[in-house]
Amino acid sequence: MKTKNIILLIFVAVLIVFANSCKKPSDGCTWQRTLTNMHTGLCRMQTPTSYEETYGACIGIDSLDTCKYDYLKIRLTFESAYVSQNTCSSPQDSIIGKIEDIIVICENDYNDNYKINDTINDILNVIYTNSKGMPIASPLPLNNYLQTKPICSGGINLFLSQPPSVTSIQSFKIIYKETNGKMFSAATVPIYIMP
């Protein structure tokens, strides 16, 4: 009986050690903010693909307005809430969360390659703010940006890299997902996009 108890005790001890060794190490960091909502907006840049204007002068576009594709900026902005007053050792750790995916869907035919309800990520470039609130210097293809599992820093701007076939009405459904399972969806107002 004593031998069985000793073997059982040793087995439980080994199991406890093994279970604790599989735990992911904690960096002791708490997210400072978490997303609570996403908004979309459209604006017309002053010159085509003028990425330097990303956070400067840009004229808002209302429903049913007209804009050339290479002047169009699709803005994603986020609301956030503070989770705690704790801050992290790395400035990036105190920003909102990691992006798993951004899916942009055209709600009407766009061109010969992208029809109604198609995902158009392949023809989008992105400029975003870094963890210090500064825009990156040059655009990246959206899919390349997403492969890095970036941290959302509150401002994402998308730009079309291909024209539509003809001037037509278009709106975009945007689905935003984080690695923690959080998801938001919003649609832009419909506008006429010109080649």
C-alpha atoms as a PDB file:
ATOM      1  CA  MET A   1       0.000   0.000   0.000  1.00  0.00           C
ATOM      2  CA  LYS A   2       2.848   2.377   0.891  1.00  0.00           C
ATOM      3  CA  THR A   3       4.561   1.589  -2.404  1.00  0.00           C
ATOM      4  CA  LYS A   4       1.395   2.438  -4.360  1.00  0.00           C
ATOM      5  CA  ASN A   5       1.041   5.753  -2.488  1.00  0.00           C
ATOM      6  CA  ILE A   6       4.708   6.651  -3.133  1.00  0.00           C
ATOM      7  CA  ILE A   7       4.362   5.815  -6.836  1.00  0.00           C
ATOM      8  CA  LEU A   8       1.126   7.827  -7.007  1.00  0.00           C
ATOM      9  CA  LEU A   9       2.825  10.791  -5.276  1.00  0.00           C
ATOM     10  CA  ILE A  10       5.789  10.650  -7.664  1.00  0.00           C
ATOM     11  CA  PHE A  11       3.425  10.433 -10.636  1.00  0.00           C
ATOM     12  CA  VAL A  12       1.422  13.478  -9.435  1.00  0.00           C
ATOM     13  CA  ALA A  13       4.645  15.448  -8.825  1.00  0.00           C
ATOM     14  CA  VAL A  14       5.930  14.653 -12.334  1.00  0.00           C
ATOM     15  CA  LEU A  15       2.542  15.589 -13.801  1.00  0.00           C
ATOM     16  CA  ILE A  16       2.572  18.953 -11.973  1.00  0.00           C
ATOM     17  CA  VAL A  17       6.116  19.737 -13.144  1.00  0.00           C
ATOM     18  CA  PHE A  18       5.247  18.759 -16.724  1.00  0.00           C
ATOM     19  CA  ALA A  19       2.015  20.794 -16.752  1.00  0.00           C
ATOM     20  CA  ASN A  20       3.763  23.911 -15.415  1.00  0.00           C
ATOM     21  CA  SER A  21       6.596  23.604 -17.929  1.00  0.00           C
ATOM     22  CA  CYS A  22       4.070  23.818 -20.806  1.00  0.00           C
ATOM     23  CA  LYS A  23       2.615  27.134 -19.691  1.00  0.00           C
ATOM     24  CA  LYS A  24       3.461  30.106 -21.853  1.00  0.00           C
ATOM     25  CA  PRO A  25       5.716  32.545 -20.062  1.00  0.00           C
ATOM     26  CA  SER A  26       3.930  35.719 -19.018  1.00  0.00           C
ATOM     27  CA  ASP A  27       5.592  39.020 -19.735  1.00  0.00           C
ATOM     28  CA  GLY A  28       3.503  40.565 -16.968  1.00  0.00           C
ATOM     29  CA  CYS A  29       2.071  43.046 -19.478  1.00  0.00           C
ATOM     30  CA  THR A  30      -1.549  44.144 -19.516  1.00  0.00           C
ATOM     31  CA  TRP A  31      -3.017  45.761 -22.626  1.00  0.00           C
ATOM     32  CA  GLN A  32      -3.584  49.398 -21.806  1.00  0.00           C
ATOM     33  CA  ARG A  33      -6.461  49.822 -24.266  1.00  0.00           C
ATOM     34  CA  THR A  34      -8.877  47.560 -26.091  1.00  0.00           C
ATOM     35  CA  LEU A  35     -10.976  48.264 -29.173  1.00  0.00           C
ATOM     36  CA  THR A  36     -14.660  48.937 -28.705  1.00  0.00           C
ATOM     37  CA  ASN A  37     -15.737  49.988 -32.217  1.00  0.00           C
ATOM     38  CA  MET A  38     -14.568  50.621 -35.798  1.00  0.00           C
ATOM     39  CA  HIS A  39     -15.671  53.375 -38.178  1.00  0.00           C
ATOM     40  CA  THR A  40     -15.106  53.800 -41.895  1.00  0.00           C
ATOM     41  CA  GLY A  41     -14.778  57.035 -43.813  1.00  0.00           C
ATOM     42  CA  LEU A  42     -13.932  58.161 -47.318  1.00  0.00           C
ATOM     43  CA  CYS A  43     -12.044  61.226 -48.422  1.00  0.00           C
ATOM     44  CA  ARG A  44     -10.576  62.704 -51.587  1.00  0.00           C
ATOM     45  CA  MET A  45      -6.870  63.505 -51.615  1.00  0.00           C
ATOM     46  CA  GLN A  46      -5.649  66.691 -53.305  1.00  0.00           C
ATOM     47  CA  THR A  47      -3.406  64.811 -55.768  1.00  0.00           C
ATOM     48  CA  PRO A  48      -3.482  61.167 -56.911  1.00  0.00           C
ATOM     49  CA  THR A  49      -1.914  58.643 -54.535  1.00  0.00           C
ATOM     50  CA  SER A  50      -0.479  61.510 -52.503  1.00  0.00           C
ATOM     51  CA  TYR A  51       0.484  59.351 -49.575  1.00  0.00           C
ATOM     52  CA  GLU A  52       2.224  62.285 -47.902  1.00  0.00           C
ATOM     53  CA  GLU A  53      -1.268  63.736 -47.448  1.00  0.00           C
ATOM     54  CA  THR A  54      -2.344  60.664 -45.542  1.00  0.00           C
ATOM     55  CA  TYR A  55      -2.878  62.559 -42.325  1.00  0.00           C
ATOM     56  CA  GLY A  56      -3.100  66.030 -43.819  1.00  0.00           C
ATOM     57  CA  ALA A  57      -5.624  67.776 -46.039  1.00  0.00           C
ATOM     58  CA  CYS A  58      -8.239  65.398 -47.357  1.00  0.00           C
ATOM     59  CA  ILE A  59     -11.761  66.406 -48.378  1.00  0.00           C
ATOM     60  CA  GLY A  60     -14.548  64.261 -46.937  1.00  0.00           C
ATOM     61  CA  ILE A  61     -16.756  62.385 -49.402  1.00  0.00           C
ATOM     62  CA  ASP A  62     -20.494  62.116 -48.836  1.00  0.00           C
ATOM     63  CA  SER A  63     -22.898  59.483 -50.078  1.00  0.00           C
ATOM     64  CA  LEU A  64     -23.262  59.469 -53.894  1.00  0.00           C
ATOM     65  CA  ASP A  65     -20.314  61.876 -54.435  1.00  0.00           C
ATOM     66  CA  THR A  66     -17.849  61.112 -57.244  1.00  0.00           C
ATOM     67  CA  CYS A  67     -14.093  60.458 -56.867  1.00  0.00           C
ATOM     68  CA  LYS A  68     -11.314  59.100 -59.093  1.00  0.00           C
ATOM     69  CA  TYR A  69      -9.974  55.786 -57.769  1.00  0.00           C
ATOM     70  CA  ASP A  70      -6.406  57.079 -57.287  1.00  0.00           C
ATOM     71  CA  TYR A  71      -7.598  60.071 -55.235  1.00  0.00           C
ATOM     72  CA  LEU A  72      -9.684  57.926 -52.881  1.00  0.00           C
ATOM     73  CA  LYS A  73      -8.655  57.178 -49.313  1.00  0.00           C
ATOM     74  CA  ILE A  74     -10.621  54.654 -47.227  1.00  0.00           C
ATOM     75  CA  ARG A  75     -10.106  55.427 -43.547  1.00  0.00           C
ATOM     76  CA  LEU A  76     -10.524  52.984 -40.677  1.00  0.00           C
ATOM     77  CA  THR A  77     -10.664  54.596 -37.268  1.00  0.00           C
ATOM     78  CA  PHE A  78     -11.196  52.907 -33.950  1.00  0.00           C
ATOM     79  CA  GLU A  79     -12.715  53.684 -30.583  1.00  0.00           C
ATOM     80  CA  SER A  80     -10.951  52.227 -27.583  1.00  0.00           C
ATOM     81  CA  ALA A  81     -11.392  51.886 -23.852  1.00  0.00           C
ATOM     82  CA  TYR A  82      -8.765  51.687 -21.131  1.00  0.00           C
ATOM     83  CA  VAL A  83      -8.457  48.262 -19.574  1.00  0.00           C
ATOM     84  CA  SER A  84      -6.148  49.269 -16.734  1.00  0.00           C
ATOM     85  CA  GLN A  85      -3.802  52.019 -15.688  1.00  0.00           C
ATOM     86  CA  ASN A  86      -0.819  49.631 -15.893  1.00  0.00           C
ATOM     87  CA  THR A  87       1.650  50.314 -18.658  1.00  0.00           C
ATOM     88  CA  CYS A  88       3.996  47.910 -20.331  1.00  0.00           C
ATOM     89  CA  SER A  89       7.738  48.003 -20.787  1.00  0.00           C
ATOM     90  CA  SER A  90       7.411  48.136 -24.579  1.00  0.00           C
ATOM     91  CA  PRO A  91       5.368  50.959 -26.083  1.00  0.00           C
ATOM     92  CA  GLN A  92       3.897  48.549 -28.627  1.00  0.00           C
ATOM     93  CA  ASP A  93       2.513  46.355 -25.862  1.00  0.00           C
ATOM     94  CA  SER A  94       0.350  49.172 -24.550  1.00  0.00           C
ATOM     95  CA  ILE A  95      -1.389  49.622 -27.892  1.00  0.00           C
ATOM     96  CA  ILE A  96      -4.714  48.013 -28.643  1.00  0.00           C
ATOM     97  CA  GLY A  97      -4.241  44.495 -30.060  1.00  0.00           C
ATOM     98  CA  LYS A  98      -2.858  42.347 -32.860  1.00  0.00           C
ATOM     99  CA  ILE A  99      -4.584  42.348 -36.235  1.00  0.00           C
ATOM    100  CA  GLU A 100      -5.396  38.921 -37.629  1.00  0.00           C
ATOM    101  CA  ASP A 101      -7.185  40.061 -40.780  1.00  0.00           C
ATOM    102  CA  ILE A 102      -8.783  42.962 -42.612  1.00  0.00           C
ATOM    103  CA  ILE A 103     -11.137  41.883 -45.372  1.00  0.00           C
ATOM    104  CA  VAL A 104     -12.410  44.445 -47.886  1.00  0.00           C
ATOM    105  CA  ILE A 105     -15.343  43.387 -50.073  1.00  0.00           C
ATOM    106  CA  CYS A 106     -16.732  45.380 -53.015  1.00  0.00           C
ATOM    107  CA  GLU A 107     -20.520  45.559 -52.842  1.00  0.00           C
ATOM    108  CA  ASN A 108     -20.873  46.026 -56.633  1.00  0.00           C
ATOM    109  CA  ASP A 109     -18.841  44.990 -59.665  1.00  0.00           C
ATOM    110  CA  TYR A 110     -15.524  46.883 -59.583  1.00  0.00           C
ATOM    111  CA  ASN A 111     -13.646  45.780 -62.713  1.00  0.00           C
ATOM    112  CA  ASP A 112     -13.200  42.644 -64.840  1.00  0.00           C
ATOM    113  CA  ASN A 113     -11.242  40.932 -62.045  1.00  0.00           C
ATOM    114  CA  TYR A 114     -13.397  41.935 -59.067  1.00  0.00           C
ATOM    115  CA  LYS A 115     -17.132  41.378 -59.179  1.00  0.00           C
ATOM    116  CA  ILE A 116     -19.892  41.984 -56.624  1.00  0.00           C
ATOM    117  CA  ASN A 117     -19.031  40.521 -53.185  1.00  0.00           C
ATOM    118  CA  ASP A 118     -15.403  39.786 -54.145  1.00  0.00           C
ATOM    119  CA  THR A 119     -12.580  40.447 -51.695  1.00  0.00           C
ATOM    120  CA  ILE A 120     -10.335  43.190 -53.132  1.00  0.00           C
ATOM    121  CA  ASN A 121      -7.405  42.991 -50.695  1.00  0.00           C
ATOM    122  CA  ASP A 122      -5.034  42.292 -53.622  1.00  0.00           C
ATOM    123  CA  ILE A 123      -5.584  45.782 -55.058  1.00  0.00           C
ATOM    124  CA  LEU A 124      -5.269  47.737 -51.816  1.00  0.00           C
ATOM    125  CA  ASN A 125      -2.268  49.500 -50.312  1.00  0.00           C
ATOM    126  CA  VAL A 126      -2.126  50.559 -46.675  1.00  0.00           C
ATOM    127  CA  ILE A 127      -0.560  53.336 -44.656  1.00  0.00           C
ATOM    128  CA  TYR A 128      -0.954  53.114 -40.903  1.00  0.00           C
ATOM    129  CA  THR A 129       0.250  54.848 -37.770  1.00  0.00           C
ATOM    130  CA  ASN A 130       3.006  53.189 -35.784  1.00  0.00           C
ATOM    131  CA  SER A 131       2.948  52.702 -32.012  1.00  0.00           C
ATOM    132  CA  LYS A 132       4.078  56.306 -31.517  1.00  0.00           C
ATOM    133  CA  GLY A 133       1.223  57.706 -33.609  1.00  0.00           C
ATOM    134  CA  MET A 134       3.403  58.519 -36.636  1.00  0.00           C
ATOM    135  CA  PRO A 135       2.411  57.412 -40.159  1.00  0.00           C
ATOM    136  CA  ILE A 136       4.751  55.029 -41.941  1.00  0.00           C
ATOM    137  CA  ALA A 137       6.679  56.639 -44.804  1.00  0.00           C
ATOM    138  CA  SER A 138       5.409  54.629 -47.775  1.00  0.00           C
ATOM    139  CA  PRO A 139       2.477  52.358 -48.592  1.00  0.00           C
ATOM    140  CA  LEU A 140       2.532  48.587 -48.328  1.00  0.00           C
ATOM    141  CA  PRO A 141       0.294  46.091 -50.105  1.00  0.00           C
ATOM    142  CA  LEU A 142      -2.457  45.257 -47.631  1.00  0.00           C
ATOM    143  CA  ASN A 143      -1.760  41.499 -47.737  1.00  0.00           C
ATOM    144  CA  ASN A 144       1.954  42.050 -46.970  1.00  0.00           C
ATOM    145  CA  TYR A 145       1.010  44.248 -44.009  1.00  0.00           C
ATOM    146  CA  LEU A 146      -1.374  41.591 -42.653  1.00  0.00           C
ATOM    147  CA  GLN A 147       1.283  38.846 -42.844  1.00  0.00           C
ATOM    148  CA  THR A 148       3.258  40.641 -40.115  1.00  0.00           C
ATOM    149  CA  LYS A 149       0.356  40.283 -37.607  1.00  0.00           C
ATOM    150  CA  PRO A 150       0.642  44.006 -36.834  1.00  0.00           C
ATOM    151  CA  ILE A 151      -0.555  45.780 -33.723  1.00  0.00           C
ATOM    152  CA  CYS A 152      -3.473  48.105 -34.349  1.00  0.00           C
ATOM    153  CA  SER A 153      -2.436  51.617 -33.481  1.00  0.00           C
ATOM    154  CA  GLY A 154      -5.710  53.372 -34.137  1.00  0.00           C
ATOM    155  CA  GLY A 155      -5.480  54.612 -37.735  1.00  0.00           C
ATOM    156  CA  ILE A 156      -5.419  52.630 -40.974  1.00  0.00           C
ATOM    157  CA  ASN A 157      -5.737  54.160 -44.454  1.00  0.00           C
ATOM    158  CA  LEU A 158      -6.407  52.083 -47.567  1.00  0.00           C
ATOM    159  CA  PHE A 159      -5.788  53.088 -51.199  1.00  0.00           C
ATOM    160  CA  LEU A 160      -6.923  51.421 -54.427  1.00  0.00           C
ATOM    161  CA  SER A 161      -4.129  50.424 -56.812  1.00  0.00           C
ATOM    162  CA  GLN A 162      -6.345  49.489 -59.814  1.00  0.00           C
ATOM    163  CA  PRO A 163      -9.083  51.499 -61.512  1.00  0.00           C
ATOM    164  CA  PRO A 164     -12.670  50.350 -61.939  1.00  0.00           C
ATOM    165  CA  SER A 165     -13.757  49.345 -65.461  1.00  0.00           C
ATOM    166  CA  VAL A 166     -16.179  52.271 -65.720  1.00  0.00           C
ATOM    167  CA  THR A 167     -17.508  55.006 -63.468  1.00  0.00           C
ATOM    168  CA  SER A 168     -19.971  53.221 -61.223  1.00  0.00           C
ATOM    169  CA  ILE A 169     -21.457  53.274 -57.776  1.00  0.00           C
ATOM    170  CA  GLN A 170     -19.462  51.369 -55.184  1.00  0.00           C
ATOM    171  CA  SER A 171     -19.316  50.806 -51.462  1.00  0.00           C
ATOM    172  CA  PHE A 172     -17.024  48.553 -49.496  1.00  0.00           C
ATOM    173  CA  LYS A 173     -17.754  46.219 -46.601  1.00  0.00           C
ATOM    174  CA  ILE A 174     -14.782  46.019 -44.242  1.00  0.00           C
ATOM    175  CA  ILE A 175     -14.310  43.228 -41.714  1.00  0.00           C
ATOM    176  CA  TYR A 176     -11.613  43.702 -39.070  1.00  0.00           C
ATOM    177  CA  LYS A 177     -10.450  40.733 -36.921  1.00  0.00           C
ATOM    178  CA  GLU A 178      -7.993  40.543 -34.027  1.00  0.00           C
ATOM    179  CA  THR A 179      -6.082  37.457 -32.886  1.00  0.00           C
ATOM    180  CA  ASN A 180      -8.062  37.508 -29.614  1.00  0.00           C
ATOM    181  CA  GLY A 181     -11.328  36.861 -31.491  1.00  0.00           C
ATOM    182  CA  LYS A 182     -12.590  40.441 -31.454  1.00  0.00           C
ATOM    183  CA  MET A 183     -14.246  41.406 -34.750  1.00  0.00           C
ATOM    184  CA  PHE A 184     -15.850  44.532 -36.218  1.00  0.00           C
ATOM    185  CA  SER A 185     -17.641  45.107 -39.503  1.00  0.00           C
ATOM    186  CA  ALA A 186     -18.667  48.341 -41.207  1.00  0.00           C
ATOM    187  CA  ALA A 187     -19.523  49.580 -44.687  1.00  0.00           C
ATOM    188  CA  THR A 188     -18.540  52.769 -46.452  1.00  0.00           C
ATOM    189  CA  VAL A 189     -21.153  55.082 -47.900  1.00  0.00           C
ATOM    190  CA  PRO A 190     -21.865  54.422 -51.593  1.00  0.00           C
ATOM    191  CA  ILE A 191     -19.994  56.729 -53.990  1.00  0.00           C
ATOM    192  CA  TYR A 192     -19.263  56.868 -57.683  1.00  0.00           C
ATOM    193  CA  ILE A 193     -15.660  55.792 -58.381  1.00  0.00           C
ATOM    194  CA  MET A 194     -14.104  56.865 -61.678  1.00  0.00           C
ATOM    195  CA  PRO A 195     -11.236  55.153 -63.558  1.00  0.00           C
END
